[in-house]
């Protein structure tokens, strides 16, 4: 990924926060017919240590998905896509003075690198599914839990998926938030995006420092 210094985000906690806020990620691997990609919701275990300095990612795939048989032990890339939006040059106050501005696109992404490990283990998969449902049902008025499903049905569903895990060995973050523009242009563009409903991106742009 092309990464100018002023767009680089080196803070692991900030990258973890983006990954948790946008858990549906793209796993890219080398398949037998070339590059392949799967779109999966990941659960981040942010605890770090000597053997996993950037945390661990866990997910599950359908048993019919060839990924778990083809990529076990392989190096993979998981890309998390944060907020993004088109930025018009007409939003910059400086455009009125010079007209020397062009459109751009602001966005936030995280690339997590590591080696894939397969868990074809019903107990492991159940624990992961329990964590996922607790996380994503937490803010609902009537959270669904695995115990709501009949045991035989749950057994059948668990048998149809396989767990995967990735100890993150390299974490690269990019936050393109108009840090290379003067403050007036950056804040004006943030206001325009907020007016168009891109609240998260606008908020992050307001908090970004200048070049």
N, C-alpha and C. Protein backbone atom coordinates (compact mmCIF):
# COMPACT_ATOMS: atom_id res chain seq x y z
N UNK A 1 0.85 -1.19 0.00
CA UNK A 1 0.00 0.00 0.00
C UNK A 1 0.88 1.24 0.00
N UNK A 2 0.60 2.16 -0.90
CA UNK A 2 1.30 3.44 -0.93
C UNK A 2 0.95 4.21 0.34
N UNK A 3 1.96 4.66 1.09
CA UNK A 3 1.70 5.23 2.40
C UNK A 3 2.59 6.45 2.66
N UNK A 4 2.17 7.64 2.19
CA UNK A 4 2.91 8.85 2.56
C UNK A 4 2.94 9.02 4.07
N UNK A 5 4.01 9.58 4.58
CA UNK A 5 4.21 9.67 6.03
C UNK A 5 3.07 10.40 6.73
N UNK A 6 2.50 11.45 6.08
CA UNK A 6 1.47 12.22 6.77
C UNK A 6 0.13 11.49 6.83
N UNK A 7 -0.03 10.36 6.13
CA UNK A 7 -1.25 9.56 6.21
C UNK A 7 -1.07 8.30 7.04
N UNK A 8 0.14 8.02 7.50
CA UNK A 8 0.42 6.79 8.25
C UNK A 8 -0.15 6.88 9.66
N UNK A 9 -0.75 5.78 10.14
CA UNK A 9 -1.25 5.69 11.50
C UNK A 9 -0.50 4.56 12.21
N UNK A 10 0.49 4.91 13.06
CA UNK A 10 1.30 3.88 13.71
C UNK A 10 0.73 3.36 15.03
N UNK A 11 -0.32 4.01 15.54
CA UNK A 11 -0.82 3.66 16.87
C UNK A 11 -1.68 2.39 16.81
N UNK A 12 -1.22 1.33 17.46
CA UNK A 12 -1.93 0.05 17.42
C UNK A 12 -3.32 0.16 18.00
N UNK A 13 -3.48 0.89 19.10
CA UNK A 13 -4.81 1.03 19.72
C UNK A 13 -5.79 1.71 18.76
N UNK A 14 -5.32 2.71 18.03
CA UNK A 14 -6.20 3.39 17.07
C UNK A 14 -6.59 2.46 15.93
N UNK A 15 -5.65 1.64 15.49
CA UNK A 15 -5.96 0.68 14.42
C UNK A 15 -6.93 -0.39 14.92
N UNK A 16 -6.73 -0.86 16.14
CA UNK A 16 -7.66 -1.83 16.72
C UNK A 16 -9.07 -1.25 16.80
N UNK A 17 -9.17 0.02 17.18
CA UNK A 17 -10.49 0.65 17.29
C UNK A 17 -11.20 0.67 15.94
N UNK A 18 -10.46 0.98 14.88
CA UNK A 18 -11.06 0.99 13.55
C UNK A 18 -11.49 -0.41 13.14
N UNK A 19 -10.65 -1.41 13.43
CA UNK A 19 -10.97 -2.79 13.08
C UNK A 19 -12.23 -3.27 13.80
N UNK A 20 -12.39 -2.87 15.07
CA UNK A 20 -13.55 -3.28 15.84
C UNK A 20 -14.81 -2.54 15.38
N UNK A 21 -14.65 -1.30 14.94
CA UNK A 21 -15.80 -0.53 14.46
C UNK A 21 -16.27 -1.00 13.08
N UNK A 22 -15.35 -1.60 12.30
CA UNK A 22 -15.67 -2.05 10.94
C UNK A 22 -15.17 -3.49 10.77
N UNK A 23 -15.84 -4.46 11.41
CA UNK A 23 -15.30 -5.83 11.47
C UNK A 23 -15.38 -6.64 10.17
N UNK A 24 -16.21 -6.22 9.22
CA UNK A 24 -16.28 -6.97 7.96
C UNK A 24 -15.05 -6.62 7.12
N UNK A 25 -14.17 -7.58 6.95
CA UNK A 25 -12.89 -7.33 6.28
C UNK A 25 -12.73 -8.24 5.06
N UNK A 26 -11.72 -7.92 4.26
CA UNK A 26 -11.43 -8.70 3.06
C UNK A 26 -10.14 -9.48 3.28
N UNK A 27 -10.25 -10.81 3.26
CA UNK A 27 -9.08 -11.68 3.39
C UNK A 27 -8.58 -12.02 1.99
N UNK A 28 -7.34 -11.66 1.72
CA UNK A 28 -6.73 -11.90 0.40
C UNK A 28 -5.67 -12.98 0.54
N UNK A 29 -5.71 -13.94 -0.37
CA UNK A 29 -4.75 -15.05 -0.34
C UNK A 29 -4.38 -15.45 -1.76
N UNK A 30 -3.33 -16.22 -1.84
CA UNK A 30 -2.94 -16.80 -3.13
C UNK A 30 -3.62 -18.16 -3.25
N UNK A 31 -4.57 -18.29 -4.16
CA UNK A 31 -5.26 -19.55 -4.38
C UNK A 31 -4.65 -20.33 -5.53
N UNK A 32 -5.16 -21.51 -5.79
CA UNK A 32 -4.60 -22.33 -6.88
C UNK A 32 -4.77 -21.70 -8.26
N UNK A 33 -5.75 -20.80 -8.39
CA UNK A 33 -5.99 -20.15 -9.68
C UNK A 33 -5.58 -18.68 -9.66
N UNK A 34 -4.77 -18.29 -8.68
CA UNK A 34 -4.35 -16.90 -8.57
C UNK A 34 -4.88 -16.26 -7.29
N UNK A 35 -4.84 -14.95 -7.23
CA UNK A 35 -5.31 -14.25 -6.04
C UNK A 35 -6.80 -14.46 -5.84
N UNK A 36 -7.19 -14.62 -4.57
CA UNK A 36 -8.60 -14.82 -4.24
C UNK A 36 -8.90 -13.98 -3.00
N UNK A 37 -10.17 -13.66 -2.80
CA UNK A 37 -10.56 -12.83 -1.66
C UNK A 37 -11.88 -13.32 -1.07
N UNK A 38 -11.98 -13.26 0.24
CA UNK A 38 -13.21 -13.58 0.95
C UNK A 38 -13.55 -12.42 1.88
N UNK A 39 -14.83 -12.16 2.04
CA UNK A 39 -15.30 -11.05 2.88
C UNK A 39 -15.94 -11.65 4.13
N UNK A 40 -15.29 -11.41 5.28
CA UNK A 40 -15.66 -12.10 6.51
C UNK A 40 -15.70 -11.14 7.68
N UNK A 41 -16.65 -11.33 8.62
CA UNK A 41 -16.61 -10.54 9.86
C UNK A 41 -15.59 -11.16 10.81
N UNK A 42 -14.65 -10.36 11.27
CA UNK A 42 -13.59 -10.85 12.15
C UNK A 42 -13.81 -10.37 13.59
N UNK A 43 -13.41 -11.22 14.51
CA UNK A 43 -13.39 -10.85 15.92
C UNK A 43 -11.93 -10.61 16.31
N UNK A 44 -11.67 -9.43 16.85
CA UNK A 44 -10.30 -9.08 17.24
C UNK A 44 -10.08 -9.37 18.71
N UNK A 45 -9.03 -10.12 19.01
CA UNK A 45 -8.54 -10.28 20.37
C UNK A 45 -7.37 -9.31 20.50
N UNK A 46 -7.57 -8.15 21.12
CA UNK A 46 -6.54 -7.11 21.10
C UNK A 46 -5.37 -7.33 22.04
N UNK A 47 -5.47 -8.34 22.91
CA UNK A 47 -4.36 -8.58 23.84
C UNK A 47 -3.08 -8.86 23.06
N UNK A 48 -2.00 -8.23 23.47
CA UNK A 48 -0.74 -8.40 22.78
C UNK A 48 0.29 -9.04 23.71
N UNK A 49 1.34 -9.52 23.12
CA UNK A 49 2.41 -10.16 23.87
C UNK A 49 3.58 -10.42 22.94
N UNK A 50 4.65 -11.02 23.44
CA UNK A 50 5.83 -11.27 22.60
C UNK A 50 5.53 -12.08 21.35
N UNK A 51 4.60 -13.03 21.45
CA UNK A 51 4.31 -13.88 20.29
C UNK A 51 3.19 -13.33 19.41
N UNK A 52 2.49 -12.30 19.88
CA UNK A 52 1.42 -11.71 19.08
C UNK A 52 1.33 -10.20 19.39
N UNK A 53 2.31 -9.43 18.92
CA UNK A 53 2.42 -8.02 19.30
C UNK A 53 1.28 -7.13 18.81
N UNK A 54 0.52 -7.59 17.83
CA UNK A 54 -0.55 -6.75 17.28
C UNK A 54 -1.94 -7.35 17.48
N UNK A 55 -2.04 -8.41 18.29
CA UNK A 55 -3.33 -9.03 18.51
C UNK A 55 -3.59 -10.21 17.60
N UNK A 56 -4.79 -10.76 17.70
CA UNK A 56 -5.18 -11.96 16.96
C UNK A 56 -6.56 -11.76 16.36
N UNK A 57 -6.76 -12.26 15.15
CA UNK A 57 -8.05 -12.20 14.48
C UNK A 57 -8.65 -13.59 14.38
N UNK A 58 -9.94 -13.69 14.61
CA UNK A 58 -10.65 -14.96 14.50
C UNK A 58 -11.90 -14.77 13.65
N UNK A 59 -12.25 -15.81 12.88
CA UNK A 59 -13.44 -15.76 12.04
C UNK A 59 -13.87 -17.19 11.74
N UNK A 60 -14.93 -17.32 10.98
CA UNK A 60 -15.37 -18.65 10.55
C UNK A 60 -15.83 -18.57 9.10
N UNK A 61 -15.71 -19.69 8.41
CA UNK A 61 -16.12 -19.78 7.02
C UNK A 61 -17.01 -21.00 6.84
N UNK A 62 -17.80 -20.99 5.79
CA UNK A 62 -18.61 -22.15 5.47
C UNK A 62 -17.71 -23.35 5.17
N UNK A 63 -18.12 -24.51 5.61
CA UNK A 63 -17.32 -25.71 5.34
C UNK A 63 -17.14 -25.92 3.84
N UNK A 64 -18.11 -25.45 3.06
CA UNK A 64 -18.02 -25.59 1.60
C UNK A 64 -17.01 -24.63 0.98
N UNK A 65 -16.56 -23.63 1.75
CA UNK A 65 -15.59 -22.66 1.25
C UNK A 65 -14.21 -23.32 1.20
N UNK A 66 -13.55 -23.33 0.04
CA UNK A 66 -12.25 -24.02 -0.06
C UNK A 66 -11.12 -23.32 0.69
N UNK A 67 -11.36 -22.10 1.19
CA UNK A 67 -10.30 -21.35 1.85
C UNK A 67 -9.63 -22.14 2.96
N UNK A 68 -10.43 -22.79 3.79
CA UNK A 68 -9.85 -23.43 4.98
C UNK A 68 -8.97 -24.62 4.64
N UNK A 69 -9.19 -25.25 3.49
CA UNK A 69 -8.35 -26.36 3.07
C UNK A 69 -7.15 -25.89 2.24
N UNK A 70 -7.34 -24.82 1.48
CA UNK A 70 -6.29 -24.34 0.58
C UNK A 70 -5.28 -23.42 1.26
N UNK A 71 -5.72 -22.71 2.32
CA UNK A 71 -4.86 -21.65 2.87
C UNK A 71 -4.37 -21.94 4.29
N UNK A 72 -4.62 -23.12 4.82
CA UNK A 72 -4.13 -23.43 6.17
C UNK A 72 -2.61 -23.32 6.20
N UNK A 73 -2.09 -22.45 7.06
CA UNK A 73 -0.65 -22.25 7.16
C UNK A 73 -0.08 -21.22 6.21
N UNK A 74 -0.92 -20.65 5.36
CA UNK A 74 -0.44 -19.70 4.35
C UNK A 74 -0.41 -18.27 4.89
N UNK A 75 0.47 -17.47 4.33
CA UNK A 75 0.49 -16.04 4.63
C UNK A 75 -0.70 -15.38 3.92
N UNK A 76 -1.45 -14.56 4.67
CA UNK A 76 -2.62 -13.90 4.11
C UNK A 76 -2.61 -12.43 4.53
N UNK A 77 -3.44 -11.66 3.86
CA UNK A 77 -3.63 -10.24 4.17
C UNK A 77 -5.12 -10.03 4.44
N UNK A 78 -5.42 -9.37 5.56
CA UNK A 78 -6.80 -9.03 5.90
C UNK A 78 -6.92 -7.52 5.91
N UNK A 79 -7.81 -6.97 5.08
CA UNK A 79 -7.97 -5.53 4.93
C UNK A 79 -9.28 -5.07 5.56
N UNK A 80 -9.18 -4.15 6.50
CA UNK A 80 -10.34 -3.55 7.14
C UNK A 80 -10.59 -2.18 6.52
N UNK A 81 -11.83 -1.95 6.12
CA UNK A 81 -12.19 -0.73 5.41
C UNK A 81 -13.01 0.16 6.34
N UNK A 82 -12.46 1.31 6.71
CA UNK A 82 -13.17 2.24 7.57
C UNK A 82 -14.02 3.20 6.76
N UNK A 83 -14.38 4.35 7.34
CA UNK A 83 -15.21 5.31 6.61
C UNK A 83 -14.48 5.87 5.39
N UNK A 84 -15.23 6.21 4.36
CA UNK A 84 -14.65 6.73 3.13
C UNK A 84 -15.67 7.62 2.42
N UNK A 85 -15.17 8.57 1.65
CA UNK A 85 -16.08 9.45 0.90
C UNK A 85 -15.29 10.29 -0.11
N UNK A 86 -15.99 10.68 -1.14
CA UNK A 86 -15.47 11.61 -2.15
C UNK A 86 -15.38 13.01 -1.54
N UNK A 87 -14.34 13.75 -1.90
CA UNK A 87 -14.15 15.12 -1.41
C UNK A 87 -14.08 16.06 -2.62
N UNK A 88 -15.00 16.99 -2.69
CA UNK A 88 -15.05 17.94 -3.80
C UNK A 88 -14.14 19.14 -3.54
N UNK A 89 -13.41 19.62 -4.54
CA UNK A 89 -12.58 20.81 -4.35
C UNK A 89 -13.40 22.06 -4.09
N UNK A 90 -14.67 22.03 -4.45
CA UNK A 90 -15.52 23.20 -4.23
C UNK A 90 -15.80 23.44 -2.75
N UNK A 91 -15.46 22.45 -1.90
CA UNK A 91 -15.66 22.63 -0.46
C UNK A 91 -14.53 23.40 0.20
N UNK A 92 -13.41 23.58 -0.49
CA UNK A 92 -12.26 24.25 0.10
C UNK A 92 -12.39 25.77 -0.04
N UNK A 93 -12.24 26.51 1.05
CA UNK A 93 -12.22 27.98 0.93
C UNK A 93 -11.11 28.46 0.00
N UNK A 94 -9.98 27.77 -0.03
CA UNK A 94 -8.86 28.21 -0.87
C UNK A 94 -9.17 28.11 -2.36
N UNK A 95 -10.17 27.30 -2.71
CA UNK A 95 -10.53 27.18 -4.13
C UNK A 95 -11.01 28.51 -4.68
N UNK A 96 -11.72 29.28 -3.85
CA UNK A 96 -12.23 30.57 -4.30
C UNK A 96 -11.10 31.55 -4.59
N UNK A 97 -9.98 31.37 -3.92
CA UNK A 97 -8.85 32.29 -4.10
C UNK A 97 -7.96 31.92 -5.27
N UNK A 98 -7.73 30.63 -5.47
CA UNK A 98 -6.74 30.21 -6.47
C UNK A 98 -7.30 29.31 -7.57
N UNK A 99 -8.37 28.58 -7.28
CA UNK A 99 -8.94 27.59 -8.20
C UNK A 99 -7.96 26.48 -8.54
N UNK A 100 -6.88 26.39 -7.79
CA UNK A 100 -5.87 25.35 -8.04
C UNK A 100 -6.10 24.19 -7.08
N UNK A 101 -7.24 23.53 -7.25
CA UNK A 101 -7.61 22.39 -6.41
C UNK A 101 -8.23 21.32 -7.29
N UNK A 102 -8.14 20.07 -6.86
CA UNK A 102 -8.73 18.95 -7.60
C UNK A 102 -9.48 18.04 -6.61
N UNK A 103 -10.37 17.19 -7.12
CA UNK A 103 -11.08 16.26 -6.23
C UNK A 103 -10.14 15.23 -5.63
N UNK A 104 -10.59 14.61 -4.55
CA UNK A 104 -9.83 13.51 -3.94
C UNK A 104 -10.82 12.59 -3.24
N UNK A 105 -10.28 11.57 -2.60
CA UNK A 105 -11.10 10.61 -1.85
C UNK A 105 -10.42 10.40 -0.50
N UNK A 106 -11.15 10.61 0.57
CA UNK A 106 -10.62 10.37 1.91
C UNK A 106 -11.12 9.03 2.43
N UNK A 107 -10.26 8.36 3.21
CA UNK A 107 -10.62 7.02 3.69
C UNK A 107 -9.68 6.60 4.82
N UNK A 108 -10.08 5.52 5.50
CA UNK A 108 -9.26 4.91 6.53
C UNK A 108 -9.25 3.40 6.30
N UNK A 109 -8.05 2.80 6.32
CA UNK A 109 -7.93 1.36 6.12
C UNK A 109 -6.86 0.81 7.05
N UNK A 110 -6.99 -0.48 7.33
CA UNK A 110 -5.97 -1.20 8.10
C UNK A 110 -5.65 -2.50 7.37
N UNK A 111 -4.36 -2.80 7.20
CA UNK A 111 -3.92 -4.06 6.62
C UNK A 111 -3.29 -4.90 7.73
N UNK A 112 -3.84 -6.08 7.96
CA UNK A 112 -3.31 -7.01 8.96
C UNK A 112 -2.69 -8.20 8.23
N UNK A 113 -1.43 -8.47 8.50
CA UNK A 113 -0.70 -9.58 7.87
C UNK A 113 -0.48 -10.69 8.89
N UNK A 114 -0.46 -11.92 8.41
CA UNK A 114 -0.17 -13.04 9.29
C UNK A 114 -0.38 -14.37 8.59
N UNK A 115 -0.19 -15.43 9.34
CA UNK A 115 -0.31 -16.78 8.79
C UNK A 115 -1.61 -17.41 9.29
N UNK A 116 -2.38 -17.97 8.37
CA UNK A 116 -3.69 -18.52 8.69
C UNK A 116 -3.58 -19.87 9.40
N UNK A 117 -4.41 -20.05 10.42
CA UNK A 117 -4.49 -21.32 11.12
C UNK A 117 -5.95 -21.76 11.15
N UNK A 118 -6.21 -23.01 10.79
CA UNK A 118 -7.57 -23.54 10.73
C UNK A 118 -7.92 -24.24 12.03
N UNK A 119 -9.16 -24.06 12.48
CA UNK A 119 -9.68 -24.75 13.67
C UNK A 119 -10.94 -25.51 13.26
N UNK A 120 -10.76 -26.74 12.83
CA UNK A 120 -11.91 -27.60 12.49
C UNK A 120 -12.32 -28.32 13.77
N UNK A 121 -12.89 -27.54 14.67
CA UNK A 121 -13.14 -27.99 16.05
C UNK A 121 -14.44 -27.34 16.51
N UNK A 122 -15.47 -28.14 16.73
CA UNK A 122 -16.79 -27.60 17.09
C UNK A 122 -16.74 -26.77 18.36
N UNK A 123 -15.94 -27.19 19.33
CA UNK A 123 -15.86 -26.44 20.58
C UNK A 123 -15.25 -25.05 20.36
N UNK A 124 -14.19 -24.99 19.57
CA UNK A 124 -13.55 -23.71 19.26
C UNK A 124 -14.51 -22.80 18.51
N UNK A 125 -15.21 -23.37 17.54
CA UNK A 125 -16.16 -22.59 16.73
C UNK A 125 -17.29 -22.06 17.60
N UNK A 126 -17.81 -22.88 18.49
CA UNK A 126 -18.89 -22.42 19.39
C UNK A 126 -18.45 -21.24 20.24
N UNK A 127 -17.24 -21.32 20.75
CA UNK A 127 -16.74 -20.22 21.59
C UNK A 127 -16.62 -18.94 20.77
N UNK A 128 -16.14 -19.05 19.53
CA UNK A 128 -16.04 -17.88 18.67
C UNK A 128 -17.42 -17.31 18.36
N UNK A 129 -18.36 -18.17 17.99
CA UNK A 129 -19.70 -17.70 17.66
C UNK A 129 -20.36 -17.03 18.86
N UNK A 130 -20.11 -17.55 20.05
CA UNK A 130 -20.66 -16.93 21.25
C UNK A 130 -20.10 -15.52 21.44
N UNK A 131 -18.78 -15.36 21.20
CA UNK A 131 -18.17 -14.03 21.33
C UNK A 131 -18.72 -13.07 20.28
N UNK A 132 -18.86 -13.55 19.05
CA UNK A 132 -19.37 -12.71 17.97
C UNK A 132 -20.79 -12.24 18.26
N UNK A 133 -21.64 -13.16 18.68
CA UNK A 133 -23.03 -12.79 18.92
C UNK A 133 -23.15 -11.85 20.12
N UNK A 134 -22.37 -12.10 21.17
CA UNK A 134 -22.42 -11.18 22.32
C UNK A 134 -22.00 -9.77 21.91
N UNK A 135 -20.99 -9.68 21.06
CA UNK A 135 -20.50 -8.37 20.63
C UNK A 135 -21.52 -7.65 19.77
N UNK A 136 -22.07 -8.32 18.78
CA UNK A 136 -22.92 -7.65 17.81
C UNK A 136 -24.39 -7.58 18.19
N UNK A 137 -24.79 -8.33 19.19
CA UNK A 137 -26.16 -8.24 19.70
C UNK A 137 -26.27 -7.31 20.90
N UNK A 138 -25.13 -6.86 21.42
CA UNK A 138 -25.10 -6.16 22.71
C UNK A 138 -25.99 -4.92 22.75
N UNK A 139 -26.07 -4.17 21.65
CA UNK A 139 -26.82 -2.92 21.69
C UNK A 139 -28.25 -3.06 21.18
N UNK A 140 -28.72 -4.29 20.97
CA UNK A 140 -30.09 -4.52 20.53
C UNK A 140 -31.02 -4.61 21.74
N UNK A 141 -32.28 -4.19 21.59
CA UNK A 141 -33.19 -4.21 22.74
C UNK A 141 -33.47 -5.62 23.26
N UNK A 142 -33.46 -6.60 22.38
CA UNK A 142 -33.66 -8.00 22.80
C UNK A 142 -32.55 -8.84 22.17
N UNK A 143 -31.37 -8.86 22.75
CA UNK A 143 -30.24 -9.58 22.15
C UNK A 143 -30.51 -11.06 21.97
N UNK A 144 -30.16 -11.56 20.78
CA UNK A 144 -30.25 -13.00 20.51
C UNK A 144 -29.02 -13.66 21.11
N UNK A 145 -29.21 -14.84 21.67
CA UNK A 145 -28.08 -15.63 22.17
C UNK A 145 -28.18 -17.04 21.63
N UNK A 146 -27.06 -17.72 21.63
CA UNK A 146 -27.03 -19.06 21.03
C UNK A 146 -28.00 -20.01 21.71
N UNK A 147 -28.22 -19.82 23.01
CA UNK A 147 -29.15 -20.67 23.73
C UNK A 147 -30.58 -20.53 23.29
N UNK A 148 -30.90 -19.50 22.49
CA UNK A 148 -32.26 -19.34 21.98
C UNK A 148 -32.60 -20.38 20.91
N UNK A 149 -31.57 -20.93 20.28
CA UNK A 149 -31.80 -21.91 19.21
C UNK A 149 -31.88 -23.31 19.79
N UNK A 150 -32.70 -24.19 19.21
CA UNK A 150 -32.75 -25.59 19.67
C UNK A 150 -31.38 -26.24 19.57
N UNK A 151 -30.98 -27.05 20.55
CA UNK A 151 -29.63 -27.64 20.53
C UNK A 151 -29.31 -28.43 19.27
N UNK A 152 -30.26 -29.19 18.76
CA UNK A 152 -29.97 -29.99 17.57
C UNK A 152 -29.74 -29.10 16.35
N UNK A 153 -30.51 -28.02 16.26
CA UNK A 153 -30.34 -27.08 15.15
C UNK A 153 -29.00 -26.39 15.25
N UNK A 154 -28.61 -26.00 16.47
CA UNK A 154 -27.33 -25.33 16.67
C UNK A 154 -26.18 -26.26 16.33
N UNK A 155 -26.29 -27.52 16.73
CA UNK A 155 -25.26 -28.51 16.38
C UNK A 155 -25.10 -28.61 14.87
N UNK A 156 -26.24 -28.61 14.17
CA UNK A 156 -26.22 -28.73 12.71
C UNK A 156 -25.53 -27.52 12.07
N UNK A 157 -25.85 -26.33 12.58
CA UNK A 157 -25.27 -25.10 12.03
C UNK A 157 -23.76 -25.02 12.31
N UNK A 158 -23.35 -25.37 13.52
CA UNK A 158 -21.93 -25.34 13.88
C UNK A 158 -21.14 -26.31 13.01
N UNK A 159 -21.72 -27.45 12.70
CA UNK A 159 -21.02 -28.45 11.88
C UNK A 159 -20.79 -27.97 10.46
N UNK A 160 -21.51 -26.94 10.05
CA UNK A 160 -21.39 -26.44 8.68
C UNK A 160 -20.34 -25.36 8.51
N UNK A 161 -19.66 -24.99 9.62
CA UNK A 161 -18.63 -23.95 9.51
C UNK A 161 -17.32 -24.42 10.12
N UNK A 162 -16.25 -23.76 9.75
CA UNK A 162 -14.90 -24.07 10.22
C UNK A 162 -14.26 -22.77 10.70
N UNK A 163 -13.54 -22.83 11.80
CA UNK A 163 -12.91 -21.65 12.34
C UNK A 163 -11.56 -21.36 11.70
N UNK A 164 -11.21 -20.07 11.65
CA UNK A 164 -9.88 -19.67 11.19
C UNK A 164 -9.33 -18.62 12.15
N UNK A 165 -8.00 -18.56 12.23
CA UNK A 165 -7.35 -17.64 13.17
C UNK A 165 -6.09 -17.08 12.52
N UNK A 166 -5.77 -15.86 12.89
CA UNK A 166 -4.61 -15.18 12.32
C UNK A 166 -3.92 -14.40 13.43
N UNK A 167 -2.74 -14.82 13.82
CA UNK A 167 -1.91 -14.01 14.72
C UNK A 167 -1.28 -12.92 13.87
N UNK A 168 -1.58 -11.67 14.18
CA UNK A 168 -1.13 -10.56 13.35
C UNK A 168 0.37 -10.33 13.55
N UNK A 169 1.13 -10.42 12.48
CA UNK A 169 2.58 -10.22 12.55
C UNK A 169 2.98 -8.83 12.06
N UNK A 170 2.10 -8.19 11.28
CA UNK A 170 2.37 -6.82 10.81
C UNK A 170 1.04 -6.11 10.64
N UNK A 171 0.99 -4.87 11.13
CA UNK A 171 -0.24 -4.09 11.09
C UNK A 171 0.10 -2.72 10.50
N UNK A 172 -0.57 -2.40 9.38
CA UNK A 172 -0.29 -1.14 8.67
C UNK A 172 -1.59 -0.36 8.55
N UNK A 173 -1.57 0.88 9.00
CA UNK A 173 -2.77 1.70 8.94
C UNK A 173 -2.58 2.97 8.13
N UNK A 174 -3.62 3.34 7.40
CA UNK A 174 -3.60 4.58 6.60
C UNK A 174 -4.87 5.35 6.88
N UNK A 175 -4.69 6.62 7.27
CA UNK A 175 -5.82 7.51 7.53
C UNK A 175 -5.64 8.73 6.63
N UNK A 176 -6.31 8.73 5.49
CA UNK A 176 -6.22 9.85 4.54
C UNK A 176 -7.35 10.81 4.87
N UNK A 177 -7.04 11.83 5.66
CA UNK A 177 -8.05 12.72 6.24
C UNK A 177 -7.76 14.19 5.94
N UNK A 178 -7.14 14.47 4.81
CA UNK A 178 -6.78 15.83 4.41
C UNK A 178 -5.75 16.47 5.34
N UNK A 179 -4.89 15.61 5.95
CA UNK A 179 -3.83 16.15 6.80
C UNK A 179 -2.84 17.00 6.00
N UNK A 180 -2.80 16.81 4.68
CA UNK A 180 -1.86 17.54 3.83
C UNK A 180 -2.43 18.88 3.36
N UNK A 181 -3.61 19.25 3.84
CA UNK A 181 -4.23 20.52 3.48
C UNK A 181 -4.17 21.47 4.67
N UNK A 182 -4.40 22.76 4.41
CA UNK A 182 -4.41 23.68 5.54
C UNK A 182 -5.69 23.45 6.35
N UNK A 183 -5.68 23.94 7.58
CA UNK A 183 -6.77 23.64 8.51
C UNK A 183 -8.12 24.12 8.01
N UNK A 184 -8.17 25.29 7.42
CA UNK A 184 -9.45 25.83 6.95
C UNK A 184 -10.07 24.93 5.89
N UNK A 185 -9.26 24.43 4.94
CA UNK A 185 -9.77 23.53 3.91
C UNK A 185 -10.23 22.21 4.52
N UNK A 186 -9.40 21.67 5.43
CA UNK A 186 -9.74 20.38 6.05
C UNK A 186 -11.05 20.47 6.83
N UNK A 187 -11.22 21.49 7.62
CA UNK A 187 -12.42 21.63 8.44
C UNK A 187 -13.65 21.93 7.58
N UNK A 188 -13.48 22.72 6.53
CA UNK A 188 -14.61 22.99 5.64
C UNK A 188 -15.06 21.72 4.93
N UNK A 189 -14.10 20.92 4.49
CA UNK A 189 -14.46 19.65 3.85
C UNK A 189 -15.15 18.72 4.84
N UNK A 190 -14.68 18.71 6.08
CA UNK A 190 -15.33 17.89 7.12
C UNK A 190 -16.77 18.33 7.34
N UNK A 191 -17.01 19.64 7.37
CA UNK A 191 -18.37 20.14 7.55
C UNK A 191 -19.26 19.72 6.38
N UNK A 192 -18.73 19.79 5.17
CA UNK A 192 -19.51 19.39 3.99
C UNK A 192 -19.85 17.91 4.04
N UNK A 193 -18.89 17.08 4.46
CA UNK A 193 -19.15 15.64 4.56
C UNK A 193 -20.19 15.35 5.65
N UNK A 194 -20.10 16.05 6.77
CA UNK A 194 -21.07 15.85 7.85
C UNK A 194 -22.48 16.19 7.36
N UNK A 195 -22.60 17.24 6.56
CA UNK A 195 -23.90 17.64 6.03
C UNK A 195 -24.46 16.59 5.08
N UNK A 196 -23.57 15.78 4.50
CA UNK A 196 -23.99 14.71 3.58
C UNK A 196 -24.14 13.37 4.29
N UNK A 197 -23.99 13.35 5.62
CA UNK A 197 -24.22 12.13 6.39
C UNK A 197 -22.98 11.32 6.70
N UNK A 198 -21.81 11.79 6.26
CA UNK A 198 -20.56 11.05 6.53
C UNK A 198 -19.97 11.49 7.87
N UNK A 199 -20.74 11.26 8.94
CA UNK A 199 -20.38 11.80 10.25
C UNK A 199 -19.08 11.24 10.80
N UNK A 200 -18.87 9.94 10.66
CA UNK A 200 -17.66 9.34 11.23
C UNK A 200 -16.41 9.88 10.57
N UNK A 201 -16.42 9.93 9.24
CA UNK A 201 -15.26 10.45 8.53
C UNK A 201 -15.03 11.92 8.86
N UNK A 202 -16.12 12.70 8.92
CA UNK A 202 -16.00 14.11 9.25
C UNK A 202 -15.40 14.32 10.64
N UNK A 203 -15.84 13.51 11.58
CA UNK A 203 -15.32 13.61 12.95
C UNK A 203 -13.83 13.32 12.99
N UNK A 204 -13.40 12.30 12.26
CA UNK A 204 -11.99 11.95 12.24
C UNK A 204 -11.16 13.02 11.52
N UNK A 205 -11.72 13.63 10.50
CA UNK A 205 -11.01 14.71 9.81
C UNK A 205 -10.82 15.91 10.73
N UNK A 206 -11.82 16.21 11.53
CA UNK A 206 -11.70 17.35 12.46
C UNK A 206 -10.62 17.08 13.49
N UNK A 207 -10.40 15.82 13.83
CA UNK A 207 -9.40 15.49 14.83
C UNK A 207 -8.00 15.28 14.27
N UNK A 208 -7.87 15.33 12.94
CA UNK A 208 -6.57 15.09 12.30
C UNK A 208 -5.76 16.37 12.29
N UNK A 209 -4.46 16.23 12.55
CA UNK A 209 -3.59 17.39 12.49
C UNK A 209 -3.21 17.75 11.07
N UNK A 210 -2.69 18.92 10.87
CA UNK A 210 -2.25 19.34 9.56
C UNK A 210 -0.92 18.72 9.20
N UNK A 211 -0.47 18.94 7.98
CA UNK A 211 0.79 18.38 7.49
C UNK A 211 1.97 19.00 8.25
